[in-house]
Amino acid sequence: MFFIFITTITVSCASRNAVQQPSLSYDLNTQQNKVVQDGIELMAKPIHSYAELTSYYDEDTIKYGVLPVQVYVFNKSNQSFLLNLDGVNLIDGTGARVPLLSPDQTYERIKKSQWRSAGWAVATGVFAAFSIHNVAEVNKQIKADISSRFLKSGNLVPGSATEGTLFYNVPSEISSVDNWKLSLVLHDNEGKQIVATYSFSGNIEQRKTPEAMQTESEAQ
C-alpha cells in the first residue's frame, strides 16, 4: 500500500497534461470582432480563464504573472509584409505597453518546481532520483511546448496566414483586460506601414500567487 501511494503521488505531481488550443479561425466570438486593415486580418484572444489555462498549459499561468495572448494574422492583400515581434504590442487600459516575455522567460515562470521531489526524498529515499528525473522530463516538455506555440516572425506573403501565442508580463493580481488592445505594425518592402488594432474586454478572476499560497500554508 505504501509503495502504491508513493508511486501515485510521484507520477501525478511530475506529469503534464496539456492540449493545443484551437485556431482562432474556429472561435466565433473572436471571428465576429476581427479587424481588417488594408487587407490585413487580425484576431487576438487573451487566455486568462482558469479552465482554458489549465487545459492548454496544464498550469494557471496568471498566478505567475504570465498572460498568454493568441494571435492570428492573415494577409488578404496583394503584397508581402514583414511581421516582426517588436511590432506586436499589448497595451493596457492606461495606454502603457505591457512587456513581452521571451520563450525562456516564460519557461522560467511556469516550469515545474523540484521542491516536492526534495521533500519526497526525505520520506521515501529510493524514489527521490526517479521523481526528480520526472520533473526534469516534464520541464523539457514545457520548454519545447512554449517554443512551438510562440508566434514566429517573418515574411507574410499574399494569401498566407500565421498564428501563435505571445506571453506577456502582467501583475498576478490582474483583474480585467477592459480597454486593453493588441496593436500590430507591419511593413512592406517599400517602407509602407500598416497598423491594425484589436480591442479586448472582460474581467479576470483574481488568483492567489504561489507566494501567498505558501504563506497561508505556513500559517496553518
Protein backbone atom coordinates (compact mmCIF):
# COMPACT_ATOMS: atom_id res chain seq x y z
CA MET A 1 0.00 0.00 0.00
CA PHE A 2 2.80 2.40 0.88
CA PHE A 3 4.53 1.61 -2.42
CA ILE A 4 1.36 2.28 -4.41
CA PHE A 5 0.69 5.56 -2.60
CA ILE A 6 4.20 6.92 -3.08
CA THR A 7 4.35 5.87 -6.72
CA THR A 8 0.98 7.50 -7.40
CA ILE A 9 1.85 10.90 -5.94
CA THR A 10 5.29 10.85 -7.56
CA VAL A 11 3.95 10.24 -11.04
CA SER A 12 0.91 12.52 -10.72
CA CYS A 13 2.87 15.52 -9.43
CA ALA A 14 5.59 15.13 -12.05
CA SER A 15 3.42 14.82 -15.15
CA ARG A 16 1.87 17.12 -17.71
CA ASN A 17 -1.46 17.06 -19.47
CA ALA A 18 -1.79 19.94 -21.93
CA VAL A 19 -3.63 20.24 -25.25
CA GLN A 20 -3.21 22.64 -28.15
CA GLN A 21 -5.71 25.47 -28.18
CA PRO A 22 -7.97 25.57 -31.27
CA SER A 23 -7.26 28.09 -34.00
CA LEU A 24 -8.94 31.46 -33.62
CA SER A 25 -10.46 30.86 -37.05
CA TYR A 26 -12.83 28.49 -35.20
CA ASP A 27 -13.58 30.91 -32.37
CA LEU A 28 -16.93 32.53 -33.24
CA ASN A 29 -16.66 35.37 -30.74
CA THR A 30 -13.17 36.33 -31.92
CA GLN A 31 -14.25 35.98 -35.56
CA GLN A 32 -17.12 38.39 -35.03
CA ASN A 33 -14.72 41.01 -33.72
CA LYS A 34 -11.91 40.53 -36.23
CA VAL A 35 -10.19 43.62 -37.57
CA VAL A 36 -9.34 44.11 -41.26
CA GLN A 37 -6.94 46.93 -42.08
CA ASP A 38 -5.63 47.45 -45.64
CA GLY A 39 -6.02 43.77 -46.43
CA ILE A 40 -4.56 42.53 -43.14
CA GLU A 41 -6.93 40.49 -41.00
CA LEU A 42 -6.15 40.42 -37.28
CA MET A 43 -7.68 38.36 -34.48
CA ALA A 44 -6.39 38.07 -30.94
CA LYS A 45 -7.50 36.50 -27.68
CA PRO A 46 -6.08 36.88 -24.17
CA ILE A 47 -6.26 33.50 -22.45
CA HIS A 48 -6.98 34.04 -18.77
CA SER A 49 -9.76 31.73 -17.63
CA TYR A 50 -8.65 29.03 -15.22
CA ALA A 51 -10.34 26.32 -17.31
CA GLU A 52 -8.59 27.28 -20.54
CA LEU A 53 -5.18 27.82 -18.97
CA THR A 54 -5.15 24.51 -17.16
CA SER A 55 -6.35 22.78 -20.33
CA TYR A 56 -3.88 24.41 -22.74
CA TYR A 57 -0.87 24.73 -20.43
CA ASP A 58 -1.64 22.39 -17.52
CA GLU A 59 -0.95 25.42 -15.35
CA ASP A 60 -2.76 28.56 -14.25
CA THR A 61 -0.13 30.92 -15.67
CA ILE A 62 -1.89 34.02 -14.31
CA LYS A 63 -0.64 33.03 -10.82
CA TYR A 64 2.87 33.51 -12.14
CA GLY A 65 2.20 36.82 -13.87
CA VAL A 66 2.03 35.35 -17.37
CA LEU A 67 -0.82 36.26 -19.75
CA PRO A 68 -0.88 34.23 -23.00
CA VAL A 69 -2.34 36.09 -25.97
CA GLN A 70 -3.21 34.05 -29.04
CA VAL A 71 -2.68 35.99 -32.29
CA TYR A 72 -3.88 35.25 -35.83
CA VAL A 73 -2.77 37.31 -38.85
CA PHE A 74 -3.99 36.75 -42.42
CA ASN A 75 -2.60 38.67 -45.39
CA LYS A 76 -5.51 39.19 -47.79
CA SER A 77 -3.68 41.90 -49.72
CA ASN A 78 -1.64 41.53 -52.92
CA GLN A 79 1.70 42.45 -51.33
CA SER A 80 4.07 40.94 -48.81
CA PHE A 81 4.63 42.30 -45.33
CA LEU A 82 7.27 41.68 -42.69
CA LEU A 83 5.97 40.51 -39.34
CA ASN A 84 8.34 41.48 -36.55
CA LEU A 85 7.51 40.71 -32.92
CA ASP A 86 8.69 44.21 -31.98
CA GLY A 87 5.62 45.39 -33.87
CA VAL A 88 3.16 43.30 -31.84
CA ASN A 89 2.37 45.35 -28.75
CA LEU A 90 -0.06 44.69 -25.92
CA ILE A 91 -1.34 47.98 -24.49
CA ASP A 92 -3.06 48.10 -21.10
CA GLY A 93 -6.01 50.26 -20.07
CA THR A 94 -3.73 53.17 -19.13
CA GLY A 95 -2.04 53.20 -22.52
CA ALA A 96 1.19 51.62 -21.23
CA ARG A 97 2.97 48.91 -23.18
CA VAL A 98 2.91 45.50 -21.48
CA PRO A 99 6.33 43.78 -21.57
CA LEU A 100 6.64 40.77 -23.85
CA LEU A 101 8.27 37.69 -22.32
CA SER A 102 10.69 35.60 -24.36
CA PRO A 103 10.15 31.82 -24.56
CA ASP A 104 12.93 31.34 -21.99
CA GLN A 105 11.47 33.94 -19.62
CA THR A 106 8.03 32.32 -19.93
CA TYR A 107 9.50 28.90 -19.19
CA GLU A 108 11.31 30.16 -16.09
CA ARG A 109 7.99 31.45 -14.75
CA ILE A 110 5.86 28.34 -15.24
CA LYS A 111 8.28 25.40 -15.10
CA LYS A 112 7.62 22.69 -12.52
CA SER A 113 9.42 23.04 -9.23
CA GLN A 114 11.50 20.22 -7.79
CA TRP A 115 10.90 21.18 -4.17
CA ARG A 116 8.26 18.47 -3.83
CA SER A 117 10.73 15.93 -5.09
CA ALA A 118 13.21 17.06 -2.49
CA GLY A 119 10.53 16.60 0.16
CA TRP A 120 9.77 13.11 -1.06
CA ALA A 121 13.47 12.28 -0.87
CA VAL A 122 13.36 12.65 2.89
CA ALA A 123 10.27 10.46 3.17
CA THR A 124 10.95 7.87 0.50
CA GLY A 125 14.65 7.82 -0.26
CA VAL A 126 14.61 5.32 -3.11
CA PHE A 127 12.03 7.34 -5.08
CA ALA A 128 13.94 10.63 -4.93
CA ALA A 129 16.03 10.20 -8.09
CA PHE A 130 13.00 8.93 -10.01
CA SER A 131 10.77 11.87 -9.03
CA ILE A 132 13.45 14.47 -9.73
CA HIS A 133 14.07 12.88 -13.12
CA ASN A 134 10.33 13.05 -13.83
CA VAL A 135 10.20 16.76 -13.05
CA ALA A 136 13.17 17.39 -15.34
CA GLU A 137 11.49 15.49 -18.18
CA VAL A 138 8.25 17.42 -17.74
CA ASN A 139 10.17 20.70 -17.80
CA LYS A 140 11.73 19.68 -21.11
CA GLN A 141 8.21 19.20 -22.48
CA ILE A 142 7.11 22.58 -21.16
CA LYS A 143 10.08 24.38 -22.71
CA ALA A 144 9.59 22.72 -26.10
CA ASP A 145 5.84 23.37 -26.00
CA ILE A 146 6.24 27.08 -25.29
CA SER A 147 8.75 27.43 -28.12
CA SER A 148 6.48 25.60 -30.57
CA ARG A 149 3.46 27.78 -29.70
CA PHE A 150 5.33 31.10 -29.82
CA LEU A 151 4.26 33.40 -32.67
CA LYS A 152 7.00 33.38 -35.31
CA SER A 153 8.25 36.49 -37.08
CA GLY A 154 8.97 36.51 -40.81
CA ASN A 155 7.66 37.36 -44.25
CA LEU A 156 3.88 37.28 -44.69
CA VAL A 157 3.21 36.75 -48.40
CA PRO A 158 -0.17 37.38 -50.07
CA GLY A 159 -2.74 34.75 -49.15
CA SER A 160 -0.76 33.42 -46.20
CA ALA A 161 -1.68 33.31 -42.54
CA THR A 162 0.27 32.83 -39.32
CA GLU A 163 -0.90 32.03 -35.83
CA GLY A 164 0.77 31.63 -32.48
CA THR A 165 0.87 32.79 -28.89
CA LEU A 166 2.76 35.59 -27.20
CA PHE A 167 3.30 35.67 -23.46
CA TYR A 168 3.15 38.96 -21.57
CA ASN A 169 4.34 40.02 -18.13
CA VAL A 170 1.30 41.09 -16.10
CA PRO A 171 0.61 41.53 -12.37
CA SER A 172 -0.56 38.26 -10.83
CA GLU A 173 -3.45 40.21 -9.28
CA ILE A 174 -4.68 41.43 -12.69
CA SER A 175 -8.48 41.72 -12.60
CA SER A 176 -9.52 42.97 -16.04
CA VAL A 177 -8.49 43.47 -19.66
CA ASP A 178 -11.13 46.13 -20.30
CA ASN A 179 -9.80 48.77 -22.70
CA TRP A 180 -6.69 46.71 -23.39
CA LYS A 181 -5.68 46.27 -27.01
CA LEU A 182 -3.21 44.48 -29.26
CA SER A 183 -1.50 46.73 -31.78
CA LEU A 184 0.05 45.11 -34.86
CA VAL A 185 2.50 47.06 -37.02
CA LEU A 186 3.58 45.59 -40.37
CA HIS A 187 5.96 46.96 -43.03
CA ASP A 188 6.24 46.15 -46.73
CA ASN A 189 9.40 46.19 -48.84
CA GLU A 190 8.85 49.83 -49.79
CA GLY A 191 8.53 51.04 -46.22
CA LYS A 192 4.76 51.26 -46.18
CA GLN A 193 3.37 50.72 -42.69
CA ILE A 194 0.05 49.17 -41.71
CA VAL A 195 -1.30 49.36 -38.17
CA ALA A 196 -4.15 47.10 -37.07
CA THR A 197 -5.58 47.25 -33.55
CA TYR A 198 -7.69 44.62 -31.80
CA SER A 199 -9.53 45.63 -28.61
CA PHE A 200 -10.15 43.42 -25.57
CA SER A 201 -12.67 43.40 -22.76
CA GLY A 202 -13.55 41.20 -19.82
CA ASN A 203 -12.86 40.54 -16.16
CA ILE A 204 -10.27 38.16 -14.75
CA GLU A 205 -10.85 36.20 -11.59
CA GLN A 206 -8.15 37.10 -9.10
CA ARG A 207 -5.74 34.28 -8.29
CA LYS A 208 -3.65 33.58 -5.25
CA THR A 209 0.04 33.86 -6.06
CA PRO A 210 2.36 30.95 -5.21
CA GLU A 211 3.95 33.15 -2.54
CA ALA A 212 0.57 33.88 -0.93
CA MET A 213 -0.37 30.21 -1.02
CA GLN A 214 2.93 29.27 0.64
CA THR A 215 2.40 31.91 3.34
CA GLU A 216 -1.09 30.57 4.08
CA SER A 217 0.26 27.02 4.24
CA GLU A 218 2.98 28.01 6.73
CA ALA A 219 0.43 29.85 8.89
CA GLN A 220 -1.76 26.76 9.27
